[in-house]
Amino acid sequence: MKRPLLTVKEIVRITGMTTRSLHFYDKIGLFKPAQLTDKGYRLYDRSSLEKLQTILILKEMDFSLKEIADIVKLTREEQKQVLQEHRQTLSAKKQRLENIMTALDEYVLGSDVSTLHIFDHSSILPLKEQYANEAELIYGETEAFQAYDEAMANMSAEDKERTFSDFEEIFKRIVSCMGQEPSSAEVQQLIEEWKSILVQFMPCDAELLACIAHNYTYDARFNSYFNQFHEGAADFLYSAIMYNIRGANGS
């Protein structure tokens, strides 16, 4: 029995693809009809249909049309190697998308941007590294920053994480006192504890402390970080630090 030839309309009905796509595949040489009628109508045999279904499968697997054109020329064994390599690429993409979705959820729930891991599988540096590089560019020539940089270089990753937790704990305790005046004894005691952590890394003169306080409230990133604990926390912290500086200067 002679194999029936299929028209464009029948191919579209079988596969669900569009006539426009079928014509485009023909134009670029990816999928040609088995033959043409006297009037120029495209006809396809069953082997053509099998090739088209392979093309559609590869397209759904996220291969480009150019890649597909190369793959369909390969032997089955050669195709297998290409597909295995492609799976590794897709796995990496999957991990990146999962990281993006996690970061998106955390950001929507109010997490500070510096804690997000959205750049973990990117050529872009993590935000904490960006902040460190920014600080080096701005303050790198100062004695305070050089002391800080040297101290951090000598710390282990565990010590750095512990120090960050210490800072966060102090910030949370200061925020819990927002019902008091920034000048209150309890708030000022906490500011002294905050300074005691700072002095492990850098000389804390009035100028540097004022600069830090200014960044806490006027830098949008710091402002967002502190305000995740309580709205207005950045301004409260600024006021408490500035009061501490004035008190230390006897004014």
C-alpha atoms as a PDB file:
ATOM      1  CA  MET A   1       0.000   0.000   0.000  1.00  0.00           C
ATOM      2  CA  LYS A   2       1.380   3.374  -1.024  1.00  0.00           C
ATOM      3  CA  ARG A   3       2.077   5.729   1.838  1.00  0.00           C
ATOM      4  CA  PRO A   4      -0.298   8.710   1.748  1.00  0.00           C
ATOM      5  CA  LEU A   5       1.154  12.181   1.399  1.00  0.00           C
ATOM      6  CA  LEU A   6       0.094  14.823   3.905  1.00  0.00           C
ATOM      7  CA  THR A   7      -0.815  18.416   3.115  1.00  0.00           C
ATOM      8  CA  VAL A   8       0.217  21.457   5.147  1.00  0.00           C
ATOM      9  CA  LYS A   9      -3.277  21.591   6.622  1.00  0.00           C
ATOM     10  CA  GLU A  10      -3.021  17.957   7.738  1.00  0.00           C
ATOM     11  CA  ILE A  11       0.442  18.467   9.246  1.00  0.00           C
ATOM     12  CA  VAL A  12      -0.895  21.457  11.182  1.00  0.00           C
ATOM     13  CA  ARG A  13      -3.853  19.391  12.398  1.00  0.00           C
ATOM     14  CA  ILE A  14      -1.589  16.521  13.524  1.00  0.00           C
ATOM     15  CA  THR A  15       1.083  18.593  15.294  1.00  0.00           C
ATOM     16  CA  GLY A  16      -0.766  21.707  16.469  1.00  0.00           C
ATOM     17  CA  MET A  17       1.908  24.000  14.990  1.00  0.00           C
ATOM     18  CA  THR A  18       1.010  26.958  12.783  1.00  0.00           C
ATOM     19  CA  THR A  19       1.095  27.130   9.019  1.00  0.00           C
ATOM     20  CA  ARG A  20       3.348  30.170   9.320  1.00  0.00           C
ATOM     21  CA  SER A  21       5.937  28.193  11.335  1.00  0.00           C
ATOM     22  CA  LEU A  22       5.842  25.322   8.859  1.00  0.00           C
ATOM     23  CA  HIS A  23       6.468  27.701   5.964  1.00  0.00           C
ATOM     24  CA  PHE A  24       9.279  29.386   7.921  1.00  0.00           C
ATOM     25  CA  TYR A  25      10.999  26.045   8.607  1.00  0.00           C
ATOM     26  CA  ASP A  26      10.874  25.384   4.872  1.00  0.00           C
ATOM     27  CA  LYS A  27      12.282  28.840   4.068  1.00  0.00           C
ATOM     28  CA  ILE A  28      15.336  28.397   6.328  1.00  0.00           C
ATOM     29  CA  GLY A  29      15.928  24.849   5.125  1.00  0.00           C
ATOM     30  CA  LEU A  30      15.196  23.191   8.466  1.00  0.00           C
ATOM     31  CA  PHE A  31      12.190  21.165   7.273  1.00  0.00           C
ATOM     32  CA  LYS A  32      11.470  20.776   3.574  1.00  0.00           C
ATOM     33  CA  PRO A  33       8.402  19.060   2.065  1.00  0.00           C
ATOM     34  CA  ALA A  34       8.847  15.625   0.504  1.00  0.00           C
ATOM     35  CA  GLN A  35       7.549  17.017  -2.750  1.00  0.00           C
ATOM     36  CA  LEU A  36       5.567  19.816  -4.369  1.00  0.00           C
ATOM     37  CA  THR A  37       2.421  19.532  -6.458  1.00  0.00           C
ATOM     38  CA  ASP A  38       2.187  21.005  -9.943  1.00  0.00           C
ATOM     39  CA  LYS A  39       0.607  24.071  -8.333  1.00  0.00           C
ATOM     40  CA  GLY A  40       3.398  24.384  -5.775  1.00  0.00           C
ATOM     41  CA  TYR A  41       1.560  22.973  -2.759  1.00  0.00           C
ATOM     42  CA  ARG A  42       3.747  21.287  -0.154  1.00  0.00           C
ATOM     43  CA  LEU A  43       3.309  17.575   0.537  1.00  0.00           C
ATOM     44  CA  TYR A  44       4.913  15.496   3.281  1.00  0.00           C
ATOM     45  CA  ASP A  45       5.375  11.758   3.751  1.00  0.00           C
ATOM     46  CA  ARG A  46       5.418   9.836   7.052  1.00  0.00           C
ATOM     47  CA  SER A  47       9.218  10.056   7.411  1.00  0.00           C
ATOM     48  CA  SER A  48       8.924  13.838   7.026  1.00  0.00           C
ATOM     49  CA  LEU A  49       6.418  13.874   9.847  1.00  0.00           C
ATOM     50  CA  GLU A  50       8.794  11.890  12.075  1.00  0.00           C
ATOM     51  CA  LYS A  51      11.579  14.409  11.382  1.00  0.00           C
ATOM     52  CA  LEU A  52       9.240  17.314  12.155  1.00  0.00           C
ATOM     53  CA  GLN A  53       8.224  15.731  15.451  1.00  0.00           C
ATOM     54  CA  THR A  54      11.918  15.389  16.362  1.00  0.00           C
ATOM     55  CA  ILE A  55      12.419  19.081  15.530  1.00  0.00           C
ATOM     56  CA  LEU A  56       9.466  20.064  17.731  1.00  0.00           C
ATOM     57  CA  ILE A  57      10.762  17.955  20.601  1.00  0.00           C
ATOM     58  CA  LEU A  58      14.209  19.567  20.397  1.00  0.00           C
ATOM     59  CA  LYS A  59      12.656  23.034  20.225  1.00  0.00           C
ATOM     60  CA  GLU A  60      10.661  22.278  23.364  1.00  0.00           C
ATOM     61  CA  MET A  61      13.931  21.221  25.012  1.00  0.00           C
ATOM     62  CA  ASP A  62      15.144  24.811  24.551  1.00  0.00           C
ATOM     63  CA  PHE A  63      17.434  24.295  21.579  1.00  0.00           C
ATOM     64  CA  SER A  64      17.637  27.124  19.058  1.00  0.00           C
ATOM     65  CA  LEU A  65      16.571  26.461  15.460  1.00  0.00           C
ATOM     66  CA  LYS A  66      20.202  26.758  14.384  1.00  0.00           C
ATOM     67  CA  GLU A  67      21.225  24.131  16.954  1.00  0.00           C
ATOM     68  CA  ILE A  68      18.365  21.882  15.852  1.00  0.00           C
ATOM     69  CA  ALA A  69      19.457  22.120  12.215  1.00  0.00           C
ATOM     70  CA  ASP A  70      22.873  20.783  13.255  1.00  0.00           C
ATOM     71  CA  ILE A  71      21.520  18.104  15.598  1.00  0.00           C
ATOM     72  CA  VAL A  72      19.164  16.459  13.096  1.00  0.00           C
ATOM     73  CA  LYS A  73      22.154  15.836  10.821  1.00  0.00           C
ATOM     74  CA  LEU A  74      23.875  13.761  13.523  1.00  0.00           C
ATOM     75  CA  THR A  75      23.645  10.053  14.174  1.00  0.00           C
ATOM     76  CA  ARG A  76      21.504   8.895  17.091  1.00  0.00           C
ATOM     77  CA  GLU A  77      24.624   8.246  19.179  1.00  0.00           C
ATOM     78  CA  GLU A  78      26.014  11.704  18.423  1.00  0.00           C
ATOM     79  CA  GLN A  79      22.673  13.259  19.318  1.00  0.00           C
ATOM     80  CA  LYS A  80      22.777  11.447  22.642  1.00  0.00           C
ATOM     81  CA  GLN A  81      26.053  13.171  23.598  1.00  0.00           C
ATOM     82  CA  VAL A  82      24.678  16.592  22.656  1.00  0.00           C
ATOM     83  CA  LEU A  83      21.516  15.988  24.681  1.00  0.00           C
ATOM     84  CA  GLN A  84      23.470  14.935  27.760  1.00  0.00           C
ATOM     85  CA  GLU A  85      25.512  18.134  27.609  1.00  0.00           C
ATOM     86  CA  HIS A  86      22.354  20.170  27.090  1.00  0.00           C
ATOM     87  CA  ARG A  87      20.804  18.602  30.159  1.00  0.00           C
ATOM     88  CA  GLN A  88      23.644  19.974  32.277  1.00  0.00           C
ATOM     89  CA  THR A  89      22.977  23.437  30.847  1.00  0.00           C
ATOM     90  CA  LEU A  90      19.279  23.143  31.639  1.00  0.00           C
ATOM     91  CA  SER A  91      20.091  21.982  35.160  1.00  0.00           C
ATOM     92  CA  ALA A  92      22.172  25.118  35.736  1.00  0.00           C
ATOM     93  CA  LYS A  93      19.342  27.274  34.372  1.00  0.00           C
ATOM     94  CA  LYS A  94      16.884  25.509  36.661  1.00  0.00           C
ATOM     95  CA  GLN A  95      19.057  26.234  39.702  1.00  0.00           C
ATOM     96  CA  ARG A  96      19.372  29.889  38.702  1.00  0.00           C
ATOM     97  CA  LEU A  97      15.590  30.219  38.261  1.00  0.00           C
ATOM     98  CA  GLU A  98      15.014  28.631  41.672  1.00  0.00           C
ATOM     99  CA  ASN A  99      17.450  31.129  43.215  1.00  0.00           C
ATOM    100  CA  ILE A 100      15.652  34.001  41.488  1.00  0.00           C
ATOM    101  CA  MET A 101      12.244  32.791  42.718  1.00  0.00           C
ATOM    102  CA  THR A 102      13.562  32.424  46.281  1.00  0.00           C
ATOM    103  CA  ALA A 103      15.084  35.908  46.174  1.00  0.00           C
ATOM    104  CA  LEU A 104      11.865  37.322  44.751  1.00  0.00           C
ATOM    105  CA  ASP A 105       9.795  35.773  47.552  1.00  0.00           C
ATOM    106  CA  GLU A 106      12.217  37.030  50.222  1.00  0.00           C
ATOM    107  CA  TYR A 107      12.245  40.532  48.742  1.00  0.00           C
ATOM    108  CA  VAL A 108       8.432  40.658  48.596  1.00  0.00           C
ATOM    109  CA  LEU A 109       8.319  39.599  52.254  1.00  0.00           C
ATOM    110  CA  GLY A 110      10.605  42.519  53.171  1.00  0.00           C
ATOM    111  CA  SER A 111      14.104  41.032  53.362  1.00  0.00           C
ATOM    112  CA  ASP A 112      16.943  43.501  52.928  1.00  0.00           C
ATOM    113  CA  VAL A 113      18.490  43.380  49.465  1.00  0.00           C
ATOM    114  CA  SER A 114      21.961  42.745  50.901  1.00  0.00           C
ATOM    115  CA  THR A 115      20.804  39.356  52.236  1.00  0.00           C
ATOM    116  CA  LEU A 116      19.503  38.094  48.886  1.00  0.00           C
ATOM    117  CA  HIS A 117      21.489  35.426  47.023  1.00  0.00           C
ATOM    118  CA  ILE A 118      20.296  36.456  43.569  1.00  0.00           C
ATOM    119  CA  PHE A 119      23.835  36.919  42.209  1.00  0.00           C
ATOM    120  CA  ASP A 120      25.202  33.584  43.472  1.00  0.00           C
ATOM    121  CA  HIS A 121      25.271  32.084  39.961  1.00  0.00           C
ATOM    122  CA  SER A 122      25.934  35.294  38.082  1.00  0.00           C
ATOM    123  CA  SER A 123      28.955  37.222  36.837  1.00  0.00           C
ATOM    124  CA  ILE A 124      27.645  40.123  38.955  1.00  0.00           C
ATOM    125  CA  LEU A 125      29.212  40.288  42.419  1.00  0.00           C
ATOM    126  CA  PRO A 126      27.014  39.666  45.496  1.00  0.00           C
ATOM    127  CA  LEU A 127      25.742  42.908  47.038  1.00  0.00           C
ATOM    128  CA  LYS A 128      27.885  42.520  50.158  1.00  0.00           C
ATOM    129  CA  GLU A 129      30.982  42.367  47.957  1.00  0.00           C
ATOM    130  CA  GLN A 130      29.738  45.360  45.997  1.00  0.00           C
ATOM    131  CA  TYR A 131      29.331  47.313  49.231  1.00  0.00           C
ATOM    132  CA  ALA A 132      32.841  46.321  50.306  1.00  0.00           C
ATOM    133  CA  ASN A 133      34.298  47.426  46.970  1.00  0.00           C
ATOM    134  CA  GLU A 134      32.379  50.692  47.159  1.00  0.00           C
ATOM    135  CA  ALA A 135      33.689  51.359  50.667  1.00  0.00           C
ATOM    136  CA  GLU A 136      37.244  50.670  49.542  1.00  0.00           C
ATOM    137  CA  LEU A 137      36.937  53.140  46.665  1.00  0.00           C
ATOM    138  CA  ILE A 138      35.480  55.880  48.895  1.00  0.00           C
ATOM    139  CA  TYR A 139      37.430  55.344  52.129  1.00  0.00           C
ATOM    140  CA  GLY A 140      40.376  53.239  50.962  1.00  0.00           C
ATOM    141  CA  GLU A 141      42.977  55.951  51.576  1.00  0.00           C
ATOM    142  CA  THR A 142      41.846  56.712  55.113  1.00  0.00           C
ATOM    143  CA  GLU A 143      43.600  55.344  58.179  1.00  0.00           C
ATOM    144  CA  ALA A 144      40.316  54.030  59.539  1.00  0.00           C
ATOM    145  CA  PHE A 145      39.532  51.974  56.458  1.00  0.00           C
ATOM    146  CA  GLN A 146      43.046  50.579  56.231  1.00  0.00           C
ATOM    147  CA  ALA A 147      42.777  49.435  59.846  1.00  0.00           C
ATOM    148  CA  TYR A 148      39.376  47.908  59.107  1.00  0.00           C
ATOM    149  CA  ASP A 149      40.656  46.211  55.947  1.00  0.00           C
ATOM    150  CA  GLU A 150      43.620  44.693  57.777  1.00  0.00           C
ATOM    151  CA  ALA A 151      41.448  43.423  60.620  1.00  0.00           C
ATOM    152  CA  MET A 152      38.934  41.844  58.225  1.00  0.00           C
ATOM    153  CA  ALA A 153      41.713  40.179  56.221  1.00  0.00           C
ATOM    154  CA  ASN A 154      42.869  38.398  59.366  1.00  0.00           C
ATOM    155  CA  MET A 155      39.401  37.122  60.272  1.00  0.00           C
ATOM    156  CA  SER A 156      38.020  33.736  59.325  1.00  0.00           C
ATOM    157  CA  ALA A 157      34.695  33.427  57.516  1.00  0.00           C
ATOM    158  CA  GLU A 158      33.136  32.180  60.748  1.00  0.00           C
ATOM    159  CA  ASP A 159      34.415  35.198  62.683  1.00  0.00           C
ATOM    160  CA  LYS A 160      33.084  37.557  60.024  1.00  0.00           C
ATOM    161  CA  GLU A 161      29.669  35.944  60.181  1.00  0.00           C
ATOM    162  CA  ARG A 162      29.715  36.112  63.980  1.00  0.00           C
ATOM    163  CA  THR A 163      30.627  39.804  63.877  1.00  0.00           C
ATOM    164  CA  PHE A 164      27.800  40.513  61.443  1.00  0.00           C
ATOM    165  CA  SER A 165      25.411  38.711  63.799  1.00  0.00           C
ATOM    166  CA  ASP A 166      26.730  40.773  66.721  1.00  0.00           C
ATOM    167  CA  PHE A 167      26.035  43.985  64.821  1.00  0.00           C
ATOM    168  CA  GLU A 168      22.554  42.816  63.870  1.00  0.00           C
ATOM    169  CA  GLU A 169      21.765  41.863  67.458  1.00  0.00           C
ATOM    170  CA  ILE A 170      22.822  45.331  68.687  1.00  0.00           C
ATOM    171  CA  PHE A 171      20.724  46.991  65.979  1.00  0.00           C
ATOM    172  CA  LYS A 172      17.684  44.968  66.987  1.00  0.00           C
ATOM    173  CA  ARG A 173      18.165  45.918  70.658  1.00  0.00           C
ATOM    174  CA  ILE A 174      18.486  49.590  69.750  1.00  0.00           C
ATOM    175  CA  VAL A 175      15.329  49.400  67.645  1.00  0.00           C
ATOM    176  CA  SER A 176      13.473  47.806  70.559  1.00  0.00           C
ATOM    177  CA  CYS A 177      14.148  51.045  72.486  1.00  0.00           C
ATOM    178  CA  MET A 178      12.500  53.299  69.933  1.00  0.00           C
ATOM    179  CA  GLY A 179       9.845  54.236  72.478  1.00  0.00           C
ATOM    180  CA  GLN A 180      12.576  56.107  74.366  1.00  0.00           C
ATOM    181  CA  GLU A 181      14.532  59.206  73.436  1.00  0.00           C
ATOM    182  CA  PRO A 182      17.781  58.619  71.489  1.00  0.00           C
ATOM    183  CA  SER A 183      19.534  60.311  74.391  1.00  0.00           C
ATOM    184  CA  SER A 184      18.215  57.854  76.990  1.00  0.00           C
ATOM    185  CA  ALA A 185      20.768  55.974  79.098  1.00  0.00           C
ATOM    186  CA  GLU A 186      19.707  52.588  77.749  1.00  0.00           C
ATOM    187  CA  VAL A 187      19.970  53.657  74.117  1.00  0.00           C
ATOM    188  CA  GLN A 188      23.333  55.315  74.679  1.00  0.00           C
ATOM    189  CA  GLN A 189      24.635  52.210  76.439  1.00  0.00           C
ATOM    190  CA  LEU A 190      23.711  50.200  73.354  1.00  0.00           C
ATOM    191  CA  ILE A 191      25.474  52.734  71.119  1.00  0.00           C
ATOM    192  CA  GLU A 192      28.579  52.225  73.251  1.00  0.00           C
ATOM    193  CA  GLU A 193      28.278  48.474  72.734  1.00  0.00           C
ATOM    194  CA  TRP A 194      27.961  49.083  68.988  1.00  0.00           C
ATOM    195  CA  LYS A 195      31.120  51.211  69.085  1.00  0.00           C
ATOM    196  CA  SER A 196      32.938  48.499  71.043  1.00  0.00           C
ATOM    197  CA  ILE A 197      32.427  46.167  68.083  1.00  0.00           C
ATOM    198  CA  LEU A 198      33.527  48.820  65.605  1.00  0.00           C
ATOM    199  CA  VAL A 199      36.777  49.586  67.419  1.00  0.00           C
ATOM    200  CA  GLN A 200      37.878  46.003  66.799  1.00  0.00           C
ATOM    201  CA  PHE A 201      38.291  46.988  63.152  1.00  0.00           C
ATOM    202  CA  MET A 202      38.927  50.721  62.934  1.00  0.00           C
ATOM    203  CA  PRO A 203      39.664  53.874  64.948  1.00  0.00           C
ATOM    204  CA  CYS A 204      36.275  55.370  65.800  1.00  0.00           C
ATOM    205  CA  ASP A 205      36.780  59.119  65.885  1.00  0.00           C
ATOM    206  CA  ALA A 206      33.856  61.546  65.737  1.00  0.00           C
ATOM    207  CA  GLU A 207      34.280  62.211  62.015  1.00  0.00           C
ATOM    208  CA  LEU A 208      34.104  58.549  61.085  1.00  0.00           C
ATOM    209  CA  LEU A 209      31.137  57.866  63.381  1.00  0.00           C
ATOM    210  CA  ALA A 210      29.274  60.825  61.888  1.00  0.00           C
ATOM    211  CA  CYS A 211      29.990  59.498  58.393  1.00  0.00           C
ATOM    212  CA  ILE A 212      28.636  56.074  59.348  1.00  0.00           C
ATOM    213  CA  ALA A 213      25.533  57.617  60.938  1.00  0.00           C
ATOM    214  CA  HIS A 214      24.963  59.702  57.831  1.00  0.00           C
ATOM    215  CA  ASN A 215      25.167  56.621  55.588  1.00  0.00           C
ATOM    216  CA  TYR A 216      22.776  54.703  57.823  1.00  0.00           C
ATOM    217  CA  THR A 217      19.986  57.207  57.258  1.00  0.00           C
ATOM    218  CA  TYR A 218      20.721  58.752  53.835  1.00  0.00           C
ATOM    219  CA  ASP A 219      21.976  55.720  51.908  1.00  0.00           C
ATOM    220  CA  ALA A 220      18.822  53.990  50.621  1.00  0.00           C
ATOM    221  CA  ARG A 221      20.336  50.533  51.100  1.00  0.00           C
ATOM    222  CA  PHE A 222      21.216  51.058  54.768  1.00  0.00           C
ATOM    223  CA  ASN A 223      17.893  52.812  55.292  1.00  0.00           C
ATOM    224  CA  SER A 224      16.038  49.818  53.877  1.00  0.00           C
ATOM    225  CA  TYR A 225      18.076  47.381  55.983  1.00  0.00           C
ATOM    226  CA  PHE A 226      17.345  49.122  59.300  1.00  0.00           C
ATOM    227  CA  ASN A 227      13.738  49.895  58.491  1.00  0.00           C
ATOM    228  CA  GLN A 228      13.019  46.190  57.994  1.00  0.00           C
ATOM    229  CA  PHE A 229      13.269  45.943  61.800  1.00  0.00           C
ATOM    230  CA  HIS A 230      10.990  48.937  62.384  1.00  0.00           C
ATOM    231  CA  GLU A 231       9.872  51.892  60.296  1.00  0.00           C
ATOM    232  CA  GLY A 232      11.994  54.898  61.169  1.00  0.00           C
ATOM    233  CA  ALA A 233      14.776  52.771  62.681  1.00  0.00           C
ATOM    234  CA  ALA A 234      17.472  54.321  60.463  1.00  0.00           C
ATOM    235  CA  ASP A 235      16.598  57.867  61.578  1.00  0.00           C
ATOM    236  CA  PHE A 236      16.454  56.785  65.217  1.00  0.00           C
ATOM    237  CA  LEU A 237      19.885  55.170  64.969  1.00  0.00           C
ATOM    238  CA  TYR A 238      21.287  58.294  63.308  1.00  0.00           C
ATOM    239  CA  SER A 239      19.981  60.488  66.120  1.00  0.00           C
ATOM    240  CA  ALA A 240      21.355  58.159  68.789  1.00  0.00           C
ATOM    241  CA  ILE A 241      24.833  58.070  67.222  1.00  0.00           C
ATOM    242  CA  MET A 242      24.947  61.843  66.726  1.00  0.00           C
ATOM    243  CA  TYR A 243      23.911  62.408  70.345  1.00  0.00           C
ATOM    244  CA  ASN A 244      26.689  60.060  71.427  1.00  0.00           C
ATOM    245  CA  ILE A 245      29.228  62.035  69.362  1.00  0.00           C
ATOM    246  CA  ARG A 246      28.108  65.355  70.844  1.00  0.00           C
ATOM    247  CA  GLY A 247      28.286  63.905  74.341  1.00  0.00           C
ATOM    248  CA  ALA A 248      31.795  62.600  73.748  1.00  0.00           C
ATOM    249  CA  ASN A 249      32.839  66.062  72.559  1.00  0.00           C
ATOM    250  CA  GLY A 250      31.305  67.686  75.620  1.00  0.00           C
ATOM    251  CA  SER A 251      28.726  69.626  73.613  1.00  0.00           C
END
